Amino acid sequence: MVGKFARSWALLQASAEVLRSDRSLLMFPVLSGICTVLVAITFLAPVGIEVAADERIRALGEAHHLSPLHYVFMFLFYLAQYTVIIFFNTALASVASARLRGDEASVSDGLAVARSRFGSILGYAVIAATVGLLLRSLQERLGWIGRLVVGMIGLAWTVATYLVVPVLANEEVGPVEAVQRSVDMLKRSWGENLIGNVGINFAFGVITFAVMIPLALIVVGAASTHSAALTVTAVAVAVIGIALLAIAQSCLQGIYAVALYRYVDEGEAGGGFDQETLQQAFRSKS
C-alpha cells in the first residue's frame, strides 16, 4: 500500500511537469467552472421556490412527498452539469494526450475534439445523470446503513468510469462502449486508478489545509479591524486562492487519467513519465 502511494505521488509529480510545460491546460477547468456556475444560476430560482414551499409545508407539520416533476427537474440539472463538465474534461484530455505524445495542441484544438465527440459526451452525461439521480433518491429514502451502502456503490461507479473521459477523447466510441473500455482497462491496471486518485486528493487536501490556515488568520485579522473593505478583500483573496488550487487539482487529475489510459492502452504514457515507475505501478490483476 505504501509503495502504491509512493508511485502515485511520483506520477502526480510527472503530471505537474506536463502542466508546467503547457499552462493553457488550466483554461479548461476555468471554462468548465464558469459554465457550471451559469447552469447552477439558471436552475437556482426554481430550486429556491421548491425549497421555500417545502419549508412552509414542514412548518405546518405536514409530510412532503417529492413529486415526479421534482425528479425530472433534478435529472435535467444533473444532465446539464455533467454535459458541461465532461465536455471540457474531454477537451483537456485531448490536449493532454497530444502533449504526452510530444505533439502540439491548443485550447481550440481540444475544444474541436470535444465538439466532434459531443454525441458520445451527451450520451455518457445521460448515463451519469441517471446513475447520480438514482443514488441520490436511494440515499433520501434509506437509513444511515443504506446510505453507507449507496455511498460505496457510488465510489465503485466513480472508479469504474475513471478512464471514460480519456477514452472519449482518444477513441471514436459510443458512451456505453466508453464505459466498457474503462472497466476493461481497470481490470488490467487494478488498484492504481483508485490509489492514484486518492493520492492526488490527499496531496491537495494537505496543501489546501496548509494554505487555509494563513488565509483564515488573515480573514479573522481583517474582521477584527471592523473594516468592511479590508474584510471583503481578505475573503476575496481566500476564495481566489482556494479556486486556484481547485483548478490545478482538476488539471492534474485530468492529466493523470490520460497517463493511466495511455500506459494501459499503449504500454507507455510519454511526456516525461518514468517508464520504470509505470512498470511497477501498472500490473495486470492476477
C-alpha atoms as a PDB file:
ATOM      1  CA  MET A   1       0.000   0.000   0.000  1.00  0.00           C
ATOM      2  CA  VAL A   2       2.809   2.415   0.896  1.00  0.00           C
ATOM      3  CA  GLY A   3       4.527   1.576  -2.379  1.00  0.00           C
ATOM      4  CA  LYS A   4       1.367   2.301  -4.353  1.00  0.00           C
ATOM      5  CA  PHE A   5       1.009   5.729  -2.742  1.00  0.00           C
ATOM      6  CA  ALA A   6       4.691   6.477  -3.380  1.00  0.00           C
ATOM      7  CA  ARG A   7       4.342   5.550  -7.042  1.00  0.00           C
ATOM      8  CA  SER A   8       1.151   7.583  -7.334  1.00  0.00           C
ATOM      9  CA  TRP A   9       2.947  10.588  -5.853  1.00  0.00           C
ATOM     10  CA  ALA A  10       5.695  10.192  -8.457  1.00  0.00           C
ATOM     11  CA  LEU A  11       3.061  10.081 -11.190  1.00  0.00           C
ATOM     12  CA  LEU A  12       1.436  13.181  -9.715  1.00  0.00           C
ATOM     13  CA  GLN A  13       4.755  14.995  -9.958  1.00  0.00           C
ATOM     14  CA  ALA A  14       5.065  13.905 -13.584  1.00  0.00           C
ATOM     15  CA  SER A  15       1.554  15.270 -14.194  1.00  0.00           C
ATOM     16  CA  ALA A  16       2.652  18.568 -12.680  1.00  0.00           C
ATOM     17  CA  GLU A  17       5.581  18.694 -15.108  1.00  0.00           C
ATOM     18  CA  VAL A  18       3.169  18.316 -18.025  1.00  0.00           C
ATOM     19  CA  LEU A  19       1.047  21.130 -16.632  1.00  0.00           C
ATOM     20  CA  ARG A  20       4.077  23.362 -16.172  1.00  0.00           C
ATOM     21  CA  SER A  21       5.047  22.741 -19.802  1.00  0.00           C
ATOM     22  CA  ASP A  22       1.599  23.823 -21.025  1.00  0.00           C
ATOM     23  CA  ARG A  23      -0.286  26.109 -18.649  1.00  0.00           C
ATOM     24  CA  SER A  24      -3.006  26.600 -21.248  1.00  0.00           C
ATOM     25  CA  LEU A  25      -4.477  23.359 -19.872  1.00  0.00           C
ATOM     26  CA  LEU A  26      -5.685  25.455 -16.941  1.00  0.00           C
ATOM     27  CA  MET A  27      -8.181  27.120 -19.276  1.00  0.00           C
ATOM     28  CA  PHE A  28     -10.357  24.016 -19.439  1.00  0.00           C
ATOM     29  CA  PRO A  29     -11.282  23.810 -15.727  1.00  0.00           C
ATOM     30  CA  VAL A  30     -11.704  27.610 -15.726  1.00  0.00           C
ATOM     31  CA  LEU A  31     -14.178  27.436 -18.625  1.00  0.00           C
ATOM     32  CA  SER A  32     -15.865  24.430 -17.032  1.00  0.00           C
ATOM     33  CA  GLY A  33     -16.234  26.263 -13.727  1.00  0.00           C
ATOM     34  CA  ILE A  34     -17.735  29.338 -15.375  1.00  0.00           C
ATOM     35  CA  CYS A  35     -20.241  27.280 -17.349  1.00  0.00           C
ATOM     36  CA  THR A  36     -21.264  25.119 -14.373  1.00  0.00           C
ATOM     37  CA  VAL A  37     -21.882  28.271 -12.329  1.00  0.00           C
ATOM     38  CA  LEU A  38     -24.076  29.636 -15.135  1.00  0.00           C
ATOM     39  CA  VAL A  39     -26.002  26.363 -15.246  1.00  0.00           C
ATOM     40  CA  ALA A  40     -26.444  26.428 -11.467  1.00  0.00           C
ATOM     41  CA  ILE A  41     -27.726  30.012 -11.591  1.00  0.00           C
ATOM     42  CA  THR A  42     -30.221  29.016 -14.298  1.00  0.00           C
ATOM     43  CA  PHE A  43     -31.629  26.269 -12.081  1.00  0.00           C
ATOM     44  CA  LEU A  44     -31.332  28.244  -8.835  1.00  0.00           C
ATOM     45  CA  ALA A  45     -34.651  30.119  -8.929  1.00  0.00           C
ATOM     46  CA  PRO A  46     -36.875  27.012  -9.344  1.00  0.00           C
ATOM     47  CA  VAL A  47     -34.912  25.218  -6.632  1.00  0.00           C
ATOM     48  CA  GLY A  48     -35.351  28.176  -4.274  1.00  0.00           C
ATOM     49  CA  ILE A  49     -39.095  28.221  -4.857  1.00  0.00           C
ATOM     50  CA  GLU A  50     -39.383  24.492  -4.131  1.00  0.00           C
ATOM     51  CA  VAL A  51     -37.237  24.711  -1.001  1.00  0.00           C
ATOM     52  CA  ALA A  52     -39.366  27.601   0.305  1.00  0.00           C
ATOM     53  CA  ALA A  53     -42.552  25.631  -0.354  1.00  0.00           C
ATOM     54  CA  ASP A  54     -41.076  22.589   1.376  1.00  0.00           C
ATOM     55  CA  GLU A  55     -40.182  24.638   4.458  1.00  0.00           C
ATOM     56  CA  ARG A  56     -43.711  26.037   4.675  1.00  0.00           C
ATOM     57  CA  ILE A  57     -45.175  22.539   4.496  1.00  0.00           C
ATOM     58  CA  ARG A  58     -42.802  21.264   7.181  1.00  0.00           C
ATOM     59  CA  ALA A  59     -43.647  24.247   9.393  1.00  0.00           C
ATOM     60  CA  LEU A  60     -47.296  23.173   9.230  1.00  0.00           C
ATOM     61  CA  GLY A  61     -46.291  19.691  10.370  1.00  0.00           C
ATOM     62  CA  GLU A  62     -47.327  18.035   7.131  1.00  0.00           C
ATOM     63  CA  ALA A  63     -45.366  15.390   5.273  1.00  0.00           C
ATOM     64  CA  HIS A  64     -43.931  16.459   1.967  1.00  0.00           C
ATOM     65  CA  HIS A  65     -43.540  13.884  -0.778  1.00  0.00           C
ATOM     66  CA  LEU A  66     -41.461  14.899  -3.742  1.00  0.00           C
ATOM     67  CA  SER A  67     -43.391  14.946  -6.985  1.00  0.00           C
ATOM     68  CA  PRO A  68     -42.217  13.217 -10.194  1.00  0.00           C
ATOM     69  CA  LEU A  69     -41.680  16.702 -11.622  1.00  0.00           C
ATOM     70  CA  HIS A  70     -39.018  17.275  -8.971  1.00  0.00           C
ATOM     71  CA  TYR A  71     -37.027  14.283 -10.196  1.00  0.00           C
ATOM     72  CA  VAL A  72     -37.420  15.376 -13.819  1.00  0.00           C
ATOM     73  CA  PHE A  73     -36.059  18.786 -12.849  1.00  0.00           C
ATOM     74  CA  MET A  74     -33.162  17.250 -10.924  1.00  0.00           C
ATOM     75  CA  PHE A  75     -32.344  14.963 -13.845  1.00  0.00           C
ATOM     76  CA  LEU A  76     -32.190  17.914 -16.228  1.00  0.00           C
ATOM     77  CA  PHE A  77     -29.945  19.773 -13.774  1.00  0.00           C
ATOM     78  CA  TYR A  78     -27.626  16.779 -13.431  1.00  0.00           C
ATOM     79  CA  LEU A  79     -27.620  16.304 -17.205  1.00  0.00           C
ATOM     80  CA  ALA A  80     -26.671  19.927 -17.869  1.00  0.00           C
ATOM     81  CA  GLN A  81     -23.913  19.909 -15.256  1.00  0.00           C
ATOM     82  CA  TYR A  82     -22.460  16.573 -16.350  1.00  0.00           C
ATOM     83  CA  THR A  83     -22.536  17.585 -20.009  1.00  0.00           C
ATOM     84  CA  VAL A  84     -20.566  20.761 -19.303  1.00  0.00           C
ATOM     85  CA  ILE A  85     -18.025  19.030 -17.048  1.00  0.00           C
ATOM     86  CA  ILE A  86     -17.480  16.038 -19.352  1.00  0.00           C
ATOM     87  CA  PHE A  87     -17.213  18.293 -22.421  1.00  0.00           C
ATOM     88  CA  PHE A  88     -14.368  20.386 -21.008  1.00  0.00           C
ATOM     89  CA  ASN A  89     -12.690  17.383 -19.373  1.00  0.00           C
ATOM     90  CA  THR A  90     -12.693  15.656 -22.757  1.00  0.00           C
ATOM     91  CA  ALA A  91     -11.128  18.748 -24.333  1.00  0.00           C
ATOM     92  CA  LEU A  92      -8.452  18.778 -21.613  1.00  0.00           C
ATOM     93  CA  ALA A  93      -7.791  15.056 -22.069  1.00  0.00           C
ATOM     94  CA  SER A  94      -7.396  15.548 -25.808  1.00  0.00           C
ATOM     95  CA  VAL A  95      -4.739  18.245 -25.414  1.00  0.00           C
ATOM     96  CA  ALA A  96      -3.018  16.342 -22.592  1.00  0.00           C
ATOM     97  CA  SER A  97      -2.872  13.231 -24.796  1.00  0.00           C
ATOM     98  CA  ALA A  98      -1.224  15.262 -27.564  1.00  0.00           C
ATOM     99  CA  ARG A  99       1.305  16.670 -25.104  1.00  0.00           C
ATOM    100  CA  LEU A 100       2.158  13.216 -23.787  1.00  0.00           C
ATOM    101  CA  ARG A 101       2.729  12.068 -27.383  1.00  0.00           C
ATOM    102  CA  GLY A 102       5.041  15.038 -27.922  1.00  0.00           C
ATOM    103  CA  ASP A 103       2.645  16.799 -30.291  1.00  0.00           C
ATOM    104  CA  GLU A 104       1.448  20.386 -30.222  1.00  0.00           C
ATOM    105  CA  ALA A 105      -2.182  21.123 -29.387  1.00  0.00           C
ATOM    106  CA  SER A 106      -4.023  24.302 -28.446  1.00  0.00           C
ATOM    107  CA  VAL A 107      -7.123  25.063 -26.424  1.00  0.00           C
ATOM    108  CA  SER A 108      -9.097  25.446 -29.647  1.00  0.00           C
ATOM    109  CA  ASP A 109      -7.862  22.017 -30.801  1.00  0.00           C
ATOM    110  CA  GLY A 110      -9.116  20.451 -27.582  1.00  0.00           C
ATOM    111  CA  LEU A 111     -12.497  22.151 -27.900  1.00  0.00           C
ATOM    112  CA  ALA A 112     -12.745  20.970 -31.514  1.00  0.00           C
ATOM    113  CA  VAL A 113     -12.195  17.353 -30.434  1.00  0.00           C
ATOM    114  CA  ALA A 114     -14.809  17.700 -27.681  1.00  0.00           C
ATOM    115  CA  ARG A 115     -17.305  19.139 -30.183  1.00  0.00           C
ATOM    116  CA  SER A 116     -16.667  16.232 -32.554  1.00  0.00           C
ATOM    117  CA  ARG A 117     -17.432  13.807 -29.699  1.00  0.00           C
ATOM    118  CA  PHE A 118     -20.469  15.719 -28.434  1.00  0.00           C
ATOM    119  CA  GLY A 119     -22.934  12.918 -29.204  1.00  0.00           C
ATOM    120  CA  SER A 120     -20.974  10.439 -27.100  1.00  0.00           C
ATOM    121  CA  ILE A 121     -20.392  13.074 -24.398  1.00  0.00           C
ATOM    122  CA  LEU A 122     -24.118  13.770 -24.181  1.00  0.00           C
ATOM    123  CA  GLY A 123     -24.894  10.046 -24.105  1.00  0.00           C
ATOM    124  CA  TYR A 124     -22.445   9.475 -21.268  1.00  0.00           C
ATOM    125  CA  ALA A 125     -23.856  12.519 -19.447  1.00  0.00           C
ATOM    126  CA  VAL A 126     -27.305  10.888 -19.643  1.00  0.00           C
ATOM    127  CA  ILE A 127     -25.877   7.698 -18.113  1.00  0.00           C
ATOM    128  CA  ALA A 128     -24.020   9.621 -15.381  1.00  0.00           C
ATOM    129  CA  ALA A 129     -27.051  11.786 -14.591  1.00  0.00           C
ATOM    130  CA  THR A 130     -29.295   8.721 -14.346  1.00  0.00           C
ATOM    131  CA  VAL A 131     -26.888   6.947 -12.000  1.00  0.00           C
ATOM    132  CA  GLY A 132     -26.412  10.096  -9.922  1.00  0.00           C
ATOM    133  CA  LEU A 133     -30.149  10.687  -9.582  1.00  0.00           C
ATOM    134  CA  LEU A 134     -30.835   7.054  -8.656  1.00  0.00           C
ATOM    135  CA  LEU A 135     -28.141   7.077  -5.989  1.00  0.00           C
ATOM    136  CA  ARG A 136     -29.404  10.357  -4.541  1.00  0.00           C
ATOM    137  CA  SER A 137     -33.037   9.191  -4.457  1.00  0.00           C
ATOM    138  CA  LEU A 138     -31.962   5.989  -2.687  1.00  0.00           C
ATOM    139  CA  GLN A 139     -29.964   7.974  -0.109  1.00  0.00           C
ATOM    140  CA  GLU A 140     -33.027  10.118   0.629  1.00  0.00           C
ATOM    141  CA  ARG A 141     -35.126   7.027   1.357  1.00  0.00           C
ATOM    142  CA  LEU A 142     -32.680   4.856   3.323  1.00  0.00           C
ATOM    143  CA  GLY A 143     -31.226   4.976   6.821  1.00  0.00           C
ATOM    144  CA  TRP A 144     -27.586   5.554   7.575  1.00  0.00           C
ATOM    145  CA  ILE A 145     -26.598   1.957   6.800  1.00  0.00           C
ATOM    146  CA  GLY A 146     -28.354   2.134   3.456  1.00  0.00           C
ATOM    147  CA  ARG A 147     -26.689   5.468   2.757  1.00  0.00           C
ATOM    148  CA  LEU A 148     -23.311   3.914   3.512  1.00  0.00           C
ATOM    149  CA  VAL A 149     -24.011   1.096   1.058  1.00  0.00           C
ATOM    150  CA  VAL A 150     -25.181   3.564  -1.596  1.00  0.00           C
ATOM    151  CA  GLY A 151     -22.044   5.609  -0.985  1.00  0.00           C
ATOM    152  CA  MET A 152     -19.906   2.536  -1.623  1.00  0.00           C
ATOM    153  CA  ILE A 153     -21.841   1.862  -4.833  1.00  0.00           C
ATOM    154  CA  GLY A 154     -21.201   5.452  -5.875  1.00  0.00           C
ATOM    155  CA  LEU A 155     -17.486   5.043  -5.181  1.00  0.00           C
ATOM    156  CA  ALA A 156     -17.404   1.847  -7.250  1.00  0.00           C
ATOM    157  CA  TRP A 157     -19.106   3.670 -10.125  1.00  0.00           C
ATOM    158  CA  THR A 158     -16.602   6.532  -9.908  1.00  0.00           C
ATOM    159  CA  VAL A 159     -13.667   4.129 -10.040  1.00  0.00           C
ATOM    160  CA  ALA A 160     -15.172   2.039 -12.861  1.00  0.00           C
ATOM    161  CA  THR A 161     -15.697   5.119 -15.035  1.00  0.00           C
ATOM    162  CA  TYR A 162     -12.411   6.841 -14.163  1.00  0.00           C
ATOM    163  CA  LEU A 163     -10.981   6.351 -17.671  1.00  0.00           C
ATOM    164  CA  VAL A 164     -14.148   7.140 -19.637  1.00  0.00           C
ATOM    165  CA  VAL A 165     -13.082  10.716 -20.422  1.00  0.00           C
ATOM    166  CA  PRO A 166      -9.656   9.745 -21.869  1.00  0.00           C
ATOM    167  CA  VAL A 167     -11.426   7.062 -23.911  1.00  0.00           C
ATOM    168  CA  LEU A 168     -13.886   9.623 -25.276  1.00  0.00           C
ATOM    169  CA  ALA A 169     -11.028  11.994 -26.100  1.00  0.00           C
ATOM    170  CA  ASN A 170      -8.959   9.400 -27.959  1.00  0.00           C
ATOM    171  CA  GLU A 171     -11.412   6.925 -29.444  1.00  0.00           C
ATOM    172  CA  GLU A 172     -14.495   7.328 -31.595  1.00  0.00           C
ATOM    173  CA  VAL A 173     -16.792   5.168 -29.471  1.00  0.00           C
ATOM    174  CA  GLY A 174     -20.256   5.477 -28.035  1.00  0.00           C
ATOM    175  CA  PRO A 175     -20.959   6.157 -24.347  1.00  0.00           C
ATOM    176  CA  VAL A 176     -21.728   2.554 -23.405  1.00  0.00           C
ATOM    177  CA  GLU A 177     -18.604   1.271 -25.141  1.00  0.00           C
ATOM    178  CA  ALA A 178     -16.568   4.003 -23.403  1.00  0.00           C
ATOM    179  CA  VAL A 179     -17.740   2.725 -20.021  1.00  0.00           C
ATOM    180  CA  GLN A 180     -16.939  -0.851 -21.046  1.00  0.00           C
ATOM    181  CA  ARG A 181     -13.456   0.208 -22.182  1.00  0.00           C
ATOM    182  CA  SER A 182     -12.861   1.959 -18.867  1.00  0.00           C
ATOM    183  CA  VAL A 183     -13.877  -1.134 -16.906  1.00  0.00           C
ATOM    184  CA  ASP A 184     -11.692  -3.358 -19.093  1.00  0.00           C
ATOM    185  CA  MET A 185      -8.681  -1.094 -18.529  1.00  0.00           C
ATOM    186  CA  LEU A 186      -9.350  -1.129 -14.805  1.00  0.00           C
ATOM    187  CA  LYS A 187      -9.126  -4.900 -14.846  1.00  0.00           C
ATOM    188  CA  ARG A 188      -5.685  -4.608 -16.437  1.00  0.00           C
ATOM    189  CA  SER A 189      -4.442  -1.956 -14.001  1.00  0.00           C
ATOM    190  CA  TRP A 190      -6.430  -2.894 -10.892  1.00  0.00           C
ATOM    191  CA  GLY A 191      -5.958  -0.653  -7.891  1.00  0.00           C
ATOM    192  CA  GLU A 192      -3.734   2.115  -9.219  1.00  0.00           C
ATOM    193  CA  ASN A 193      -6.677   4.157 -10.512  1.00  0.00           C
ATOM    194  CA  LEU A 194      -8.252   4.334  -7.064  1.00  0.00           C
ATOM    195  CA  ILE A 195      -4.996   4.735  -5.133  1.00  0.00           C
ATOM    196  CA  GLY A 196      -3.731   7.364  -7.550  1.00  0.00           C
ATOM    197  CA  ASN A 197      -6.919   9.411  -7.329  1.00  0.00           C
ATOM    198  CA  VAL A 198      -6.882   9.211  -3.537  1.00  0.00           C
ATOM    199  CA  GLY A 199      -3.225  10.214  -3.557  1.00  0.00           C
ATOM    200  CA  ILE A 200      -3.929  13.331  -5.625  1.00  0.00           C
ATOM    201  CA  ASN A 201      -6.864  14.295  -3.429  1.00  0.00           C
ATOM    202  CA  PHE A 202      -4.838  13.654  -0.288  1.00  0.00           C
ATOM    203  CA  ALA A 203      -1.915  15.751  -1.559  1.00  0.00           C
ATOM    204  CA  PHE A 204      -4.182  18.650  -2.404  1.00  0.00           C
ATOM    205  CA  GLY A 205      -6.050  18.212   0.855  1.00  0.00           C
ATOM    206  CA  VAL A 206      -2.777  18.722   2.718  1.00  0.00           C
ATOM    207  CA  ILE A 207      -1.879  21.706   0.521  1.00  0.00           C
ATOM    208  CA  THR A 208      -5.335  23.229   0.927  1.00  0.00           C
ATOM    209  CA  PHE A 209      -5.186  22.779   4.699  1.00  0.00           C
ATOM    210  CA  ALA A 210      -1.745  24.403   4.815  1.00  0.00           C
ATOM    211  CA  VAL A 211      -2.990  27.323   2.739  1.00  0.00           C
ATOM    212  CA  MET A 212      -6.280  27.661   4.640  1.00  0.00           C
ATOM    213  CA  ILE A 213      -4.589  28.298   7.988  1.00  0.00           C
ATOM    214  CA  PRO A 214      -2.856  31.567   6.993  1.00  0.00           C
ATOM    215  CA  LEU A 215      -5.861  32.599   4.889  1.00  0.00           C
ATOM    216  CA  ALA A 216      -8.194  32.044   7.845  1.00  0.00           C
ATOM    217  CA  LEU A 217      -5.874  34.050  10.093  1.00  0.00           C
ATOM    218  CA  ILE A 218      -5.857  36.851   7.520  1.00  0.00           C
ATOM    219  CA  VAL A 219      -9.670  36.873   7.340  1.00  0.00           C
ATOM    220  CA  VAL A 220     -10.023  36.785  11.137  1.00  0.00           C
ATOM    221  CA  GLY A 221      -7.439  39.548  11.500  1.00  0.00           C
ATOM    222  CA  ALA A 222      -9.195  41.681   8.899  1.00  0.00           C
ATOM    223  CA  ALA A 223     -12.580  41.131  10.570  1.00  0.00           C
ATOM    224  CA  SER A 224     -11.138  42.170  13.944  1.00  0.00           C
ATOM    225  CA  THR A 225     -10.295  45.584  12.483  1.00  0.00           C
ATOM    226  CA  HIS A 226     -14.021  46.139  11.816  1.00  0.00           C
ATOM    227  CA  SER A 227     -13.094  47.376   8.354  1.00  0.00           C
ATOM    228  CA  ALA A 228     -15.614  46.145   5.798  1.00  0.00           C
ATOM    229  CA  ALA A 229     -13.289  46.869   2.874  1.00  0.00           C
ATOM    230  CA  LEU A 230     -10.383  45.005   4.454  1.00  0.00           C
ATOM    231  CA  THR A 231     -12.588  42.034   5.373  1.00  0.00           C
ATOM    232  CA  VAL A 232     -14.054  41.784   1.877  1.00  0.00           C
ATOM    233  CA  THR A 233     -10.559  41.956   0.387  1.00  0.00           C
ATOM    234  CA  ALA A 234      -9.287  39.200   2.703  1.00  0.00           C
ATOM    235  CA  VAL A 235     -12.258  36.970   1.888  1.00  0.00           C
ATOM    236  CA  ALA A 236     -11.753  37.583  -1.837  1.00  0.00           C
ATOM    237  CA  VAL A 237      -8.083  36.597  -1.564  1.00  0.00           C
ATOM    238  CA  ALA A 238      -9.049  33.412   0.293  1.00  0.00           C
ATOM    239  CA  VAL A 239     -11.690  32.482  -2.287  1.00  0.00           C
ATOM    240  CA  ILE A 240      -9.299  33.118  -5.191  1.00  0.00           C
ATOM    241  CA  GLY A 241      -6.587  31.044  -3.534  1.00  0.00           C
ATOM    242  CA  ILE A 242      -8.908  28.088  -2.997  1.00  0.00           C
ATOM    243  CA  ALA A 243     -10.255  28.408  -6.555  1.00  0.00           C
ATOM    244  CA  LEU A 244      -6.720  28.326  -7.988  1.00  0.00           C
ATOM    245  CA  LEU A 245      -5.956  25.167  -6.026  1.00  0.00           C
ATOM    246  CA  ALA A 246      -9.163  23.556  -7.291  1.00  0.00           C
ATOM    247  CA  ILE A 247      -8.279  24.462 -10.887  1.00  0.00           C
ATOM    248  CA  ALA A 248      -4.785  22.984 -10.545  1.00  0.00           C
ATOM    249  CA  GLN A 249      -6.188  19.825  -8.939  1.00  0.00           C
ATOM    250  CA  SER A 250      -8.702  19.352 -11.746  1.00  0.00           C
ATOM    251  CA  CYS A 251      -5.949  19.716 -14.349  1.00  0.00           C
ATOM    252  CA  LEU A 252      -3.601  17.278 -12.644  1.00  0.00           C
ATOM    253  CA  GLN A 253      -6.342  14.691 -12.213  1.00  0.00           C
ATOM    254  CA  GLY A 254      -7.161  15.000 -15.914  1.00  0.00           C
ATOM    255  CA  ILE A 255      -3.509  14.602 -16.936  1.00  0.00           C
ATOM    256  CA  TYR A 256      -3.086  11.660 -14.555  1.00  0.00           C
ATOM    257  CA  ALA A 257      -6.132   9.900 -16.019  1.00  0.00           C
ATOM    258  CA  VAL A 258      -4.733  10.355 -19.531  1.00  0.00           C
ATOM    259  CA  ALA A 259      -1.382   8.922 -18.418  1.00  0.00           C
ATOM    260  CA  LEU A 260      -3.200   5.892 -16.992  1.00  0.00           C
ATOM    261  CA  TYR A 261      -5.126   5.463 -20.208  1.00  0.00           C
ATOM    262  CA  ARG A 262      -2.065   5.767 -22.457  1.00  0.00           C
ATOM    263  CA  TYR A 263       0.015   3.341 -20.448  1.00  0.00           C
ATOM    264  CA  VAL A 264      -2.680   0.671 -20.248  1.00  0.00           C
ATOM    265  CA  ASP A 265      -3.607   1.141 -23.907  1.00  0.00           C
ATOM    266  CA  GLU A 266      -0.168   1.656 -25.476  1.00  0.00           C
ATOM    267  CA  GLY A 267       2.331   0.440 -22.877  1.00  0.00           C
ATOM    268  CA  GLU A 268       3.814   3.867 -22.204  1.00  0.00           C
ATOM    269  CA  ALA A 269       2.492   7.249 -21.146  1.00  0.00           C
ATOM    270  CA  GLY A 270       5.177   9.509 -22.626  1.00  0.00           C
ATOM    271  CA  GLY A 271       5.589  13.135 -21.634  1.00  0.00           C
ATOM    272  CA  GLY A 272       8.307  12.520 -19.022  1.00  0.00           C
ATOM    273  CA  PHE A 273       6.525   9.788 -17.062  1.00  0.00           C
ATOM    274  CA  ASP A 274       9.146   7.381 -15.740  1.00  0.00           C
ATOM    275  CA  GLN A 275       8.846   4.043 -17.521  1.00  0.00           C
ATOM    276  CA  GLU A 276      10.182   2.024 -14.576  1.00  0.00           C
ATOM    277  CA  THR A 277       7.699   3.636 -12.205  1.00  0.00           C
ATOM    278  CA  LEU A 278       4.894   2.869 -14.619  1.00  0.00           C
ATOM    279  CA  GLN A 279       6.026  -0.730 -14.960  1.00  0.00           C
ATOM    280  CA  GLN A 280       5.904  -1.116 -11.171  1.00  0.00           C
ATOM    281  CA  ALA A 281       2.649   0.793 -10.825  1.00  0.00           C
ATOM    282  CA  PHE A 282       0.640  -0.996 -13.521  1.00  0.00           C
ATOM    283  CA  ARG A 283       0.499  -4.732 -13.199  1.00  0.00           C
ATOM    284  CA  SER A 284      -2.180  -6.963 -14.577  1.00  0.00           C
ATOM    285  CA  LYS A 285      -4.543  -8.324 -11.960  1.00  0.00           C
ATOM    286  CA  SER A 286      -3.711 -11.965 -11.359  1.00  0.00           C
END
